[in-house]
Amino acid sequence: MRSDPQVFQGKTLLITGGTGSFGNTVLKHFFDSEVGEIRIFSRDEKKQDDMRHLLQARDSRLAGKVFFHIGDVRDERSVRSAMHGVDYVFHAAALKQVPSCEFFPMEAVKTNVIGTDNVLRAAIDEGVEKVVCLSTDKAAYPINAMGASKAMMEKIVYSNARNGAGRTTICCTRYGNVMCSRGSVIPLFIKQIKEGHPVTVTDPSMTRFLMNLDEAVDLVRFAFEHANPGDLFIQKAPAATISDLAEAVQKVFGRTGTTVIGTRHGEKLYETLMTCEERLRAEDMGDYFRVRADTRDLNYDKFVASGDAKTMSEEAYTSHNTIRLDVPDTVERIKTTEYVQLAIEGRESEAVQ
């Protein structure tokens, strides 16, 4: 799916957490488009400098429309400074690693919860047209601190969308494992194989959705074009077991054996992209689901008197009940990623994660 280029023509796009995997992929899609200005907002000056040099090498003329803002979504003042004159926002800044959030949960709250509220309030006050916030499967039935903070982030999205967002349309996307994004398992497997070590898996029966970064950007673009205030968009995606994923990587890069090390802090056996409660009000849009916002007010009496007793569907949408890839299909799936394509040629250091 590709967006109508006229939608972004001459507009200013702000990407929070813009030096991460998602931000780099957005730039790949938008760099030579008709977008007027792209603002990269993040707190890591080294990553910003690396990105600046890459863009200059690619096309020095087009690199002039990418502007870098040092700041932190935790700091409301720095967010507001970067928000002046912005038309659209892709909010990707987050703490994403499950174990680190598990050990330092308040840091996850500061970035994922308070930081999101800072971004949305600034966007509303500045009259931004559209904001798309990125969430994760771990927000559905959360069992770890990262998932709980992202679930709260989603609630903040819906609250701001419902309660006085003015001309700003705020929506949310939720997706599962993004292959070869920063900190994901496939680059680790490849590194272990190339160093001659066994591939380490946590639980062989664990299942994970398999999306690539281009699909993650396509999901955000689809949400951008189709959202009503408070909508949640979810991409349909295939899944594989961790055992089959490890086998697939070894088929491509060589066999070194597999070692089971047990689950990490806060890990789930399978991913849930849409809960039973959400599935009841979901709209099938082909490659995507739209879950419309719950627009009920606080007058519960009318629901007690005349409400619908059915509150959930029979099953959630999970990596256990979606299309299951076997090893050959998983091989083809992982080969769709730029990182794997470069790693096959021994050039994985050139991949931007």
Protein backbone atom coordinates (compact mmCIF):
# COMPACT_ATOMS: atom_id res chain seq x y z
CA MET A 1 0.00 0.00 0.00
CA ARG A 2 1.32 3.45 -0.87
CA SER A 3 -0.05 6.84 0.20
CA ASP A 4 -1.27 9.50 -2.17
CA PRO A 5 1.79 11.75 -2.48
CA GLN A 6 -0.42 14.83 -2.69
CA VAL A 7 -1.43 14.29 0.94
CA PHE A 8 2.09 15.12 2.12
CA GLN A 9 3.00 17.69 -0.54
CA GLY A 10 4.48 20.76 1.08
CA LYS A 11 3.60 19.54 4.59
CA THR A 12 5.83 19.36 7.67
CA LEU A 13 6.16 15.93 9.28
CA LEU A 14 7.59 15.42 12.78
CA ILE A 15 8.87 11.96 13.74
CA THR A 16 9.51 11.47 17.45
CA GLY A 17 12.15 8.85 18.14
CA GLY A 18 13.10 9.52 14.54
CA THR A 19 16.59 7.97 14.63
CA GLY A 20 15.23 4.51 15.40
CA SER A 21 14.38 1.69 13.01
CA PHE A 22 10.96 3.11 12.18
CA GLY A 23 12.23 6.65 11.61
CA ASN A 24 14.98 5.46 9.29
CA THR A 25 12.46 3.49 7.25
CA VAL A 26 10.08 6.46 7.06
CA LEU A 27 12.93 8.52 5.65
CA LYS A 28 13.61 5.83 3.07
CA HIS A 29 9.99 6.16 1.92
CA PHE A 30 9.64 9.93 2.20
CA PHE A 31 13.10 11.32 1.45
CA ASP A 32 12.51 11.94 -2.25
CA SER A 33 8.75 12.57 -1.93
CA GLU A 34 6.97 15.92 -2.13
CA VAL A 35 6.88 16.35 1.65
CA GLY A 36 7.99 19.88 2.49
CA GLU A 37 9.97 19.27 5.68
CA ILE A 38 10.78 16.31 7.92
CA ARG A 39 11.75 16.93 11.53
CA ILE A 40 13.65 14.24 13.39
CA PHE A 41 13.13 14.56 17.15
CA SER A 42 15.26 12.39 19.43
CA ARG A 43 17.71 12.60 22.31
CA ASP A 44 20.76 10.86 20.80
CA GLU A 45 23.00 13.36 19.03
CA LYS A 46 25.33 10.60 17.74
CA LYS A 47 22.50 8.82 15.92
CA GLN A 48 21.30 12.14 14.53
CA ASP A 49 24.79 12.93 13.24
CA ASP A 50 25.06 9.47 11.65
CA MET A 51 21.69 9.94 9.95
CA ARG A 52 22.66 13.42 8.76
CA HIS A 53 25.83 12.11 7.09
CA LEU A 54 23.93 9.24 5.43
CA LEU A 55 21.35 11.63 3.99
CA GLN A 56 24.03 14.04 2.76
CA ALA A 57 25.78 11.17 0.99
CA ARG A 58 22.52 10.04 -0.58
CA ASP A 59 21.43 13.45 -1.92
CA SER A 60 22.76 16.69 -0.45
CA ARG A 61 19.97 18.71 -2.04
CA LEU A 62 17.14 16.64 -0.59
CA ALA A 63 18.95 16.32 2.74
CA GLY A 64 18.25 20.03 3.23
CA LYS A 65 14.59 19.35 3.99
CA VAL A 66 15.42 17.09 6.96
CA PHE A 67 15.89 19.02 10.22
CA PHE A 68 17.18 17.55 13.47
CA HIS A 69 15.88 18.49 16.92
CA ILE A 70 17.64 17.31 20.07
CA GLY A 71 15.08 16.73 22.79
CA ASP A 72 13.24 14.21 24.91
CA VAL A 73 9.50 13.51 24.90
CA ARG A 74 9.74 13.53 28.70
CA ASP A 75 10.53 17.25 28.49
CA GLU A 76 7.37 19.12 27.52
CA ARG A 77 9.27 22.29 26.64
CA SER A 78 11.52 20.58 24.10
CA VAL A 79 8.53 18.84 22.55
CA ARG A 80 6.65 22.12 22.16
CA SER A 81 9.70 23.77 20.63
CA ALA A 82 9.86 21.12 17.90
CA MET A 83 6.08 21.17 17.31
CA HIS A 84 5.75 24.73 15.98
CA GLY A 85 4.44 24.73 12.41
CA VAL A 86 4.05 20.94 12.20
CA ASP A 87 1.21 19.45 10.11
CA TYR A 88 1.59 15.75 10.89
CA VAL A 89 3.23 13.70 13.64
CA PHE A 90 4.38 10.08 13.69
CA HIS A 91 4.98 9.36 17.38
CA ALA A 92 7.49 6.50 17.61
CA ALA A 93 9.57 7.52 20.65
CA ALA A 94 9.40 4.80 23.29
CA LEU A 95 11.27 2.50 25.59
CA LYS A 96 10.73 -0.86 23.89
CA GLN A 97 12.96 -3.48 25.49
CA VAL A 98 10.94 -5.77 27.77
CA PRO A 99 13.72 -6.68 30.25
CA SER A 100 14.97 -3.11 30.75
CA CYS A 101 11.42 -1.83 31.32
CA GLU A 102 10.83 -4.71 33.73
CA PHE A 103 13.79 -3.63 35.87
CA PHE A 104 13.16 0.12 35.51
CA PRO A 105 9.38 0.49 35.15
CA MET A 106 9.25 4.17 36.08
CA GLU A 107 11.54 4.96 33.16
CA ALA A 108 8.98 3.27 30.88
CA VAL A 109 6.24 5.38 32.48
CA LYS A 110 8.20 8.60 31.95
CA THR A 111 8.79 7.95 28.25
CA ASN A 112 5.85 5.85 27.10
CA VAL A 113 3.08 7.39 29.21
CA ILE A 114 4.06 10.93 30.21
CA GLY A 115 6.05 11.44 27.02
CA THR A 116 3.05 10.52 24.87
CA ASP A 117 0.82 12.92 26.77
CA ASN A 118 3.40 15.67 26.24
CA VAL A 119 3.44 14.99 22.49
CA LEU A 120 -0.34 14.92 22.15
CA ARG A 121 -0.98 18.04 24.23
CA ALA A 122 1.63 19.96 22.26
CA ALA A 123 0.15 18.74 18.97
CA ILE A 124 -3.36 19.78 19.99
CA ASP A 125 -2.22 23.20 21.19
CA GLU A 126 -0.28 23.78 17.96
CA GLY A 127 -3.22 22.73 15.78
CA VAL A 128 -1.46 19.75 14.20
CA GLU A 129 -3.76 18.05 11.68
CA LYS A 130 -3.01 14.37 12.35
CA VAL A 131 -1.03 12.32 14.87
CA VAL A 132 -0.36 8.60 14.49
CA CYS A 133 0.99 6.90 17.63
CA LEU A 134 2.84 3.59 17.47
CA SER A 135 1.95 0.88 19.96
CA THR A 136 2.78 -2.79 20.38
CA ASP A 137 1.13 -6.17 20.78
CA LYS A 138 2.41 -6.16 24.35
CA ALA A 139 -0.22 -3.52 25.19
CA ALA A 140 -2.93 -6.16 24.66
CA TYR A 141 -3.42 -8.15 27.88
CA PRO A 142 -0.13 -6.79 29.25
CA ILE A 143 1.93 -8.96 31.59
CA ASN A 144 5.09 -6.86 31.71
CA ALA A 145 6.01 -3.26 32.52
CA MET A 146 6.66 -2.34 28.91
CA GLY A 147 3.26 -3.64 27.84
CA ALA A 148 1.52 -1.96 30.76
CA SER A 149 3.14 1.39 29.91
CA LYS A 150 2.11 1.01 26.27
CA ALA A 151 -1.43 0.07 27.30
CA MET A 152 -1.55 3.30 29.30
CA MET A 153 -0.14 5.12 26.28
CA GLU A 154 -3.07 3.84 24.21
CA LYS A 155 -5.52 5.02 26.87
CA ILE A 156 -3.93 8.48 26.69
CA VAL A 157 -4.33 8.42 22.91
CA TYR A 158 -8.02 7.58 23.19
CA SER A 159 -8.61 10.10 25.98
CA ASN A 160 -7.01 12.95 24.06
CA ALA A 161 -8.79 11.94 20.85
CA ARG A 162 -12.14 11.87 22.61
CA ASN A 163 -11.82 14.86 24.95
CA GLY A 164 -11.22 18.10 23.12
CA ALA A 165 -8.59 17.38 20.45
CA GLY A 166 -10.05 20.18 18.35
CA ARG A 167 -8.90 19.97 14.73
CA THR A 168 -6.28 17.33 15.57
CA THR A 169 -7.11 13.75 14.56
CA ILE A 170 -5.29 11.31 16.85
CA CYS A 171 -5.13 7.58 16.17
CA CYS A 172 -3.01 4.58 17.06
CA THR A 173 -1.36 1.60 15.36
CA ARG A 174 -0.41 -1.65 17.02
CA TYR A 175 1.94 -4.23 15.59
CA GLY A 176 3.94 -7.23 16.70
CA ASN A 177 7.51 -8.30 16.17
CA VAL A 178 9.20 -6.18 13.49
CA MET A 179 11.92 -8.28 11.92
CA CYS A 180 15.45 -6.87 12.17
CA SER A 181 14.41 -3.76 14.05
CA ARG A 182 16.86 -2.58 16.69
CA GLY A 183 17.14 -5.14 19.50
CA SER A 184 15.19 -7.86 17.69
CA VAL A 185 16.22 -11.49 17.52
CA ILE A 186 17.12 -12.12 13.86
CA PRO A 187 20.25 -9.91 13.90
CA LEU A 188 21.28 -11.72 17.10
CA PHE A 189 20.85 -15.12 15.44
CA ILE A 190 22.91 -13.99 12.43
CA LYS A 191 25.66 -12.66 14.68
CA GLN A 192 25.77 -15.90 16.67
CA ILE A 193 25.97 -17.99 13.50
CA LYS A 194 28.72 -15.87 11.94
CA GLU A 195 30.73 -16.12 15.16
CA GLY A 196 30.29 -19.91 15.19
CA HIS A 197 28.06 -20.01 18.26
CA PRO A 198 24.78 -21.92 18.70
CA VAL A 199 21.61 -19.92 18.17
CA THR A 200 19.95 -19.22 21.53
CA VAL A 201 16.17 -19.50 21.75
CA THR A 202 14.05 -18.83 24.80
CA ASP A 203 11.10 -21.22 24.26
CA PRO A 204 10.91 -23.20 21.00
CA SER A 205 7.08 -23.21 21.02
CA MET A 206 6.83 -19.43 21.47
CA THR A 207 5.18 -17.76 18.45
CA ARG A 208 5.80 -14.31 17.04
CA PHE A 209 4.20 -12.26 14.25
CA LEU A 210 6.67 -11.50 11.44
CA MET A 211 6.43 -8.02 9.90
CA ASN A 212 9.14 -6.13 8.10
CA LEU A 213 9.89 -2.45 8.60
CA ASP A 214 8.34 -1.40 5.29
CA GLU A 215 5.07 -3.00 6.38
CA ALA A 216 5.27 -1.13 9.69
CA VAL A 217 5.50 2.15 7.78
CA ASP A 218 2.67 1.09 5.45
CA LEU A 219 0.48 0.42 8.50
CA VAL A 220 1.12 3.94 9.80
CA ARG A 221 0.40 5.43 6.38
CA PHE A 222 -2.84 3.46 6.13
CA ALA A 223 -3.88 4.69 9.57
CA PHE A 224 -2.94 8.24 8.60
CA GLU A 225 -5.24 8.17 5.57
CA HIS A 226 -8.22 6.32 7.07
CA ALA A 227 -8.35 7.32 10.73
CA ASN A 228 -11.24 8.76 12.63
CA PRO A 229 -10.39 10.17 16.07
CA GLY A 230 -9.35 7.40 18.46
CA ASP A 231 -9.16 4.58 15.90
CA LEU A 232 -6.74 1.69 16.42
CA PHE A 233 -5.29 0.02 13.32
CA ILE A 234 -3.78 -3.46 13.24
CA GLN A 235 -2.13 -5.21 10.30
CA LYS A 236 -2.90 -8.83 9.59
CA ALA A 237 0.38 -10.70 9.70
CA PRO A 238 1.69 -14.29 9.59
CA ALA A 239 3.59 -15.82 12.48
CA ALA A 240 6.18 -18.52 13.16
CA THR A 241 7.46 -20.38 16.17
CA ILE A 242 10.81 -19.27 17.55
CA SER A 243 12.07 -22.78 16.77
CA ASP A 244 11.12 -22.44 13.09
CA LEU A 245 12.52 -18.92 12.96
CA ALA A 246 15.87 -20.12 14.31
CA GLU A 247 15.82 -23.01 11.80
CA ALA A 248 15.04 -20.61 8.95
CA VAL A 249 17.92 -18.28 9.83
CA GLN A 250 20.27 -21.27 9.98
CA LYS A 251 19.09 -22.46 6.58
CA VAL A 252 20.17 -19.11 5.16
CA PHE A 253 23.41 -18.55 7.09
CA GLY A 254 24.62 -21.99 8.12
CA ARG A 255 23.91 -24.45 10.90
CA THR A 256 25.52 -23.98 14.30
CA GLY A 257 22.93 -25.72 16.47
CA THR A 258 20.33 -24.38 18.87
CA THR A 259 20.48 -23.87 22.63
CA VAL A 260 17.32 -23.33 24.70
CA ILE A 261 17.98 -20.74 27.40
CA GLY A 262 14.49 -20.19 28.83
CA THR A 263 12.20 -17.16 28.71
CA ARG A 264 13.39 -13.70 29.68
CA HIS A 265 11.74 -11.43 32.23
CA GLY A 266 8.22 -10.50 31.16
CA GLU A 267 8.05 -12.52 27.92
CA LYS A 268 4.78 -13.92 26.59
CA LEU A 269 4.31 -17.33 24.96
CA TYR A 270 2.43 -15.68 22.09
CA GLU A 271 1.57 -12.20 20.90
CA THR A 272 -1.93 -10.73 20.98
CA LEU A 273 -2.59 -7.98 18.46
CA MET A 274 -6.31 -7.65 19.12
CA THR A 275 -8.15 -8.63 22.29
CA CYS A 276 -11.49 -10.44 22.43
CA GLU A 277 -13.11 -7.19 23.56
CA GLU A 278 -11.60 -5.22 20.66
CA ARG A 279 -12.41 -7.86 18.09
CA LEU A 280 -16.11 -7.45 18.84
CA ARG A 281 -16.06 -3.91 17.45
CA ALA A 282 -13.35 -4.41 14.80
CA GLU A 283 -13.87 -3.66 11.12
CA ASP A 284 -12.11 -5.88 8.58
CA MET A 285 -10.48 -3.60 5.99
CA GLY A 286 -8.70 -6.26 3.95
CA ASP A 287 -5.06 -6.25 5.03
CA TYR A 288 -5.90 -4.36 8.21
CA PHE A 289 -8.34 -4.22 11.10
CA ARG A 290 -9.79 -0.97 12.36
CA VAL A 291 -10.93 -0.97 15.99
CA ARG A 292 -13.16 2.03 16.49
CA ALA A 293 -12.86 4.08 19.64
CA ASP A 294 -15.19 3.40 22.54
CA THR A 295 -17.14 6.66 22.51
CA ARG A 296 -19.45 5.92 25.45
CA ASP A 297 -19.66 8.62 28.10
CA LEU A 298 -19.62 8.28 31.88
CA ASN A 299 -23.40 7.91 32.17
CA TYR A 300 -23.40 4.21 32.96
CA ASP A 301 -27.07 4.08 33.94
CA LYS A 302 -28.29 3.88 30.35
CA PHE A 303 -26.01 0.91 29.66
CA VAL A 304 -27.29 -0.91 32.72
CA ALA A 305 -30.85 -0.33 31.51
CA SER A 306 -30.46 -1.01 27.80
CA GLY A 307 -26.87 -1.98 27.03
CA ASP A 308 -25.71 -4.90 24.91
CA ALA A 309 -24.80 -7.83 27.14
CA LYS A 310 -22.24 -9.14 24.63
CA THR A 311 -18.86 -7.63 25.51
CA MET A 312 -16.32 -9.79 23.68
CA SER A 313 -15.83 -12.13 20.73
CA GLU A 314 -14.94 -15.77 21.18
CA GLU A 315 -11.23 -15.34 20.50
CA ALA A 316 -8.52 -12.73 20.26
CA TYR A 317 -6.25 -12.24 17.23
CA THR A 318 -2.93 -13.78 18.22
CA SER A 319 0.28 -15.24 16.82
CA HIS A 320 -1.13 -18.65 17.79
CA ASN A 321 -4.25 -18.41 15.59
CA THR A 322 -3.06 -16.33 12.63
CA ILE A 323 -1.51 -17.84 9.48
CA ARG A 324 1.36 -20.07 10.66
CA LEU A 325 4.49 -20.14 8.50
CA ASP A 326 6.57 -23.29 8.16
CA VAL A 327 10.36 -23.16 7.85
CA PRO A 328 10.53 -22.65 4.03
CA ASP A 329 7.90 -19.88 4.23
CA THR A 330 9.79 -18.29 7.12
CA VAL A 331 12.97 -18.31 5.05
CA GLU A 332 11.21 -16.39 2.30
CA ARG A 333 9.68 -14.03 4.85
CA ILE A 334 12.95 -13.05 6.52
CA LYS A 335 14.56 -12.50 3.12
CA THR A 336 12.18 -9.58 2.56
CA THR A 337 14.17 -7.53 5.09
CA GLU A 338 17.01 -5.27 4.01
CA TYR A 339 19.12 -6.43 6.96
CA VAL A 340 19.03 -10.08 5.89
CA GLN A 341 19.65 -9.15 2.26
CA LEU A 342 22.77 -7.22 3.26
CA ALA A 343 23.86 -9.89 5.76
CA ILE A 344 23.81 -12.55 3.03
CA GLU A 345 26.41 -10.41 1.23
CA GLY A 346 28.37 -9.83 4.46
CA ARG A 347 27.31 -6.18 4.57
CA GLU A 348 24.98 -6.15 7.58
CA SER A 349 27.03 -3.33 9.13
CA GLU A 350 25.61 -1.08 6.42
CA ALA A 351 22.03 -1.71 7.49
CA VAL A 352 20.36 1.05 9.47
CA GLN A 353 18.48 -0.31 12.47
